[in-house]
Amino acid sequence: MDEPRVEERSLGAILDESDAREVRRPERPARSRAHRLRRLLLHPDPIFWALFSAGGFVAALLVPVHVAILGIAFAAGWLPDDALSYERILHLVQLPLVKLYLWALVALPLYHWAHRFRFAIYHQFGIVRWKRLVAVGCYGTAIAGTAVSAWVLLGI
């Protein structure tokens, strides 16, 4: 029995044919700025994804530096004894840029944790029933931690 013969074409011919086709996006109705803002407020996922990403950066790069300096270098005696004296650290923390840095160092990993914990509960544990409650609990904790850290740093 003879099998039907498949037309053999070169890869170049196939690519030329696919380049000749034009893919058009469907036309979307124009949306107002108020509509986009309302959608952003009702669906804040892009905001939380950005905070998740920034928190991952801080947790991966900046927190280990602090652990190395405060937990290892100072404890091992590699720094001078007065390097972390109370007066020095208090003066340093009173600078606005340092306050902003410390606030980001504390707050952003909270959002990273909240996002990871929320998705772990959904996908690893399979708890989908209380989806909104879990999201409010996770992100609410991160927001509360952000507010507390700002309150403490502004009080210094």
Protein backbone atom coordinates (compact mmCIF):
# COMPACT_ATOMS: atom_id res chain seq x y z
CA MET A 1 0.00 0.00 0.00
CA ASP A 2 1.24 3.38 -0.90
CA GLU A 3 1.00 6.09 1.71
CA PRO A 4 -0.19 9.48 0.52
CA ARG A 5 2.78 11.62 -0.31
CA VAL A 6 3.31 14.67 1.80
CA GLU A 7 4.38 17.72 -0.12
CA GLU A 8 7.97 18.48 0.75
CA ARG A 9 8.85 22.12 1.10
CA SER A 10 12.03 23.73 2.24
CA LEU A 11 12.27 25.50 5.55
CA GLY A 12 12.95 28.77 3.74
CA ALA A 13 9.68 28.50 1.80
CA ILE A 14 7.74 27.81 4.98
CA LEU A 15 9.31 30.80 6.74
CA ASP A 16 8.69 33.08 3.75
CA GLU A 17 5.04 32.05 3.71
CA SER A 18 4.65 32.69 7.46
CA ASP A 19 6.31 36.11 7.15
CA ALA A 20 3.87 37.06 4.41
CA ARG A 21 0.89 36.60 6.72
CA GLU A 22 -0.11 39.61 8.74
CA VAL A 23 -1.55 39.13 12.18
CA ARG A 24 -3.94 41.86 13.19
CA ARG A 25 -5.06 42.60 16.68
CA PRO A 26 -8.74 43.02 17.23
CA GLU A 27 -9.80 46.61 17.63
CA ARG A 28 -10.40 47.61 21.23
CA PRO A 29 -12.78 50.35 22.17
CA ALA A 30 -11.08 53.46 23.52
CA ARG A 31 -11.16 53.59 27.30
CA SER A 32 -11.08 56.65 29.42
CA ARG A 33 -8.47 57.41 32.05
CA ALA A 34 -11.09 56.99 34.78
CA HIS A 35 -11.90 53.51 33.48
CA ARG A 36 -8.21 52.50 33.56
CA LEU A 37 -7.82 53.89 37.08
CA ARG A 38 -10.96 52.09 38.27
CA ARG A 39 -9.70 48.83 36.76
CA LEU A 40 -6.31 49.28 38.45
CA LEU A 41 -7.99 49.83 41.81
CA LEU A 42 -10.32 46.87 41.39
CA HIS A 43 -7.59 44.56 40.04
CA PRO A 44 -4.40 45.53 41.86
CA ASP A 45 -2.42 42.46 40.71
CA PRO A 46 0.17 44.48 38.74
CA ILE A 47 0.92 46.54 41.84
CA PHE A 48 1.39 43.44 43.98
CA TRP A 49 3.53 41.77 41.30
CA ALA A 50 5.79 44.84 41.23
CA LEU A 51 6.06 44.82 45.03
CA PHE A 52 6.74 41.07 44.90
CA SER A 53 9.56 41.61 42.44
CA ALA A 54 11.09 44.47 44.41
CA GLY A 55 10.80 42.44 47.61
CA GLY A 56 12.58 39.51 45.97
CA PHE A 57 15.40 41.82 44.91
CA VAL A 58 15.79 43.22 48.42
CA ALA A 59 15.57 39.79 50.03
CA ALA A 60 18.11 38.29 47.65
CA LEU A 61 20.69 41.08 47.51
CA LEU A 62 20.39 43.55 50.37
CA VAL A 63 19.39 41.36 53.33
CA PRO A 64 22.42 39.05 52.94
CA VAL A 65 24.69 42.10 52.96
CA HIS A 66 23.20 43.21 56.28
CA VAL A 67 23.52 39.72 57.70
CA ALA A 68 27.15 39.60 56.60
CA ILE A 69 27.98 42.98 58.14
CA LEU A 70 25.96 42.80 61.34
CA GLY A 71 25.94 39.08 61.99
CA ILE A 72 29.31 37.93 60.78
CA ALA A 73 31.79 40.80 60.36
CA PHE A 74 30.96 42.59 63.60
CA ALA A 75 30.65 39.38 65.62
CA ALA A 76 33.97 38.10 64.28
CA GLY A 77 35.72 41.33 65.30
CA TRP A 78 36.54 42.44 61.76
CA LEU A 79 35.01 45.88 62.42
CA PRO A 80 36.18 48.41 65.00
CA ASP A 81 34.48 48.17 68.38
CA ASP A 82 32.76 51.55 68.04
CA ALA A 83 31.58 50.94 64.46
CA LEU A 84 28.09 50.04 65.65
CA SER A 85 27.92 52.21 68.74
CA TYR A 86 24.51 53.55 69.77
CA GLU A 87 25.39 57.18 69.02
CA ARG A 88 26.73 56.35 65.56
CA ILE A 89 23.76 54.21 64.57
CA LEU A 90 21.27 56.75 65.96
CA HIS A 91 22.89 59.54 63.95
CA LEU A 92 22.88 57.36 60.85
CA VAL A 93 19.23 56.33 61.21
CA GLN A 94 18.12 59.95 61.62
CA LEU A 95 19.13 60.72 58.02
CA PRO A 96 16.07 60.71 55.70
CA LEU A 97 17.73 58.63 52.97
CA VAL A 98 18.76 55.98 55.49
CA LYS A 99 15.22 55.90 56.87
CA LEU A 100 13.87 55.34 53.37
CA TYR A 101 16.44 52.59 52.77
CA LEU A 102 15.61 50.83 56.06
CA TRP A 103 11.91 51.16 55.35
CA ALA A 104 12.38 49.46 51.96
CA LEU A 105 14.61 46.85 53.58
CA VAL A 106 11.82 45.92 55.98
CA ALA A 107 8.66 46.53 53.93
CA LEU A 108 9.43 45.11 50.49
CA PRO A 109 10.30 41.57 51.63
CA LEU A 110 6.92 41.54 53.43
CA TYR A 111 5.16 41.88 50.07
CA HIS A 112 7.39 39.18 48.61
CA TRP A 113 6.42 36.92 51.51
CA ALA A 114 2.72 37.78 51.16
CA HIS A 115 2.64 36.94 47.46
CA ARG A 116 4.57 33.67 47.87
CA PHE A 117 2.53 32.60 50.88
CA ARG A 118 -0.73 33.36 49.11
CA PHE A 119 0.20 31.33 46.07
CA ALA A 120 1.56 28.49 48.22
CA ILE A 121 -1.79 28.27 49.99
CA TYR A 122 -3.66 28.19 46.67
CA HIS A 123 -1.48 25.90 44.60
CA GLN A 124 0.48 23.73 47.02
CA PHE A 125 -2.10 23.25 49.73
CA GLY A 126 -5.08 23.50 47.37
CA ILE A 127 -7.07 25.81 49.63
CA VAL A 128 -9.11 27.76 47.12
CA ARG A 129 -12.27 28.07 49.15
CA TRP A 130 -11.13 31.13 51.14
CA LYS A 131 -9.27 32.81 48.30
CA ARG A 132 -10.27 36.38 49.10
CA LEU A 133 -9.80 35.92 52.85
CA VAL A 134 -6.28 34.55 52.33
CA ALA A 135 -5.38 37.42 49.98
CA VAL A 136 -6.70 40.02 52.42
CA GLY A 137 -4.85 38.34 55.29
CA CYS A 138 -1.53 38.10 53.44
CA TYR A 139 -1.51 41.53 51.87
CA GLY A 140 -3.11 43.08 54.95
CA THR A 141 -0.24 41.75 57.04
CA ALA A 142 2.27 43.22 54.58
CA ILE A 143 0.49 46.58 54.61
CA ALA A 144 0.33 46.56 58.41
CA GLY A 145 4.04 45.72 58.61
CA THR A 146 4.79 48.54 56.20
CA ALA A 147 2.78 50.99 58.29
CA VAL A 148 4.40 49.87 61.56
CA SER A 149 7.90 50.11 60.11
CA ALA A 150 7.16 53.62 58.77
CA TRP A 151 5.75 54.66 62.16
CA VAL A 152 8.83 53.36 64.01
CA LEU A 153 11.30 54.94 61.58
CA LEU A 154 9.51 58.30 61.62
CA GLY A 155 9.54 58.23 65.42
CA ILE A 156 13.33 58.02 65.53
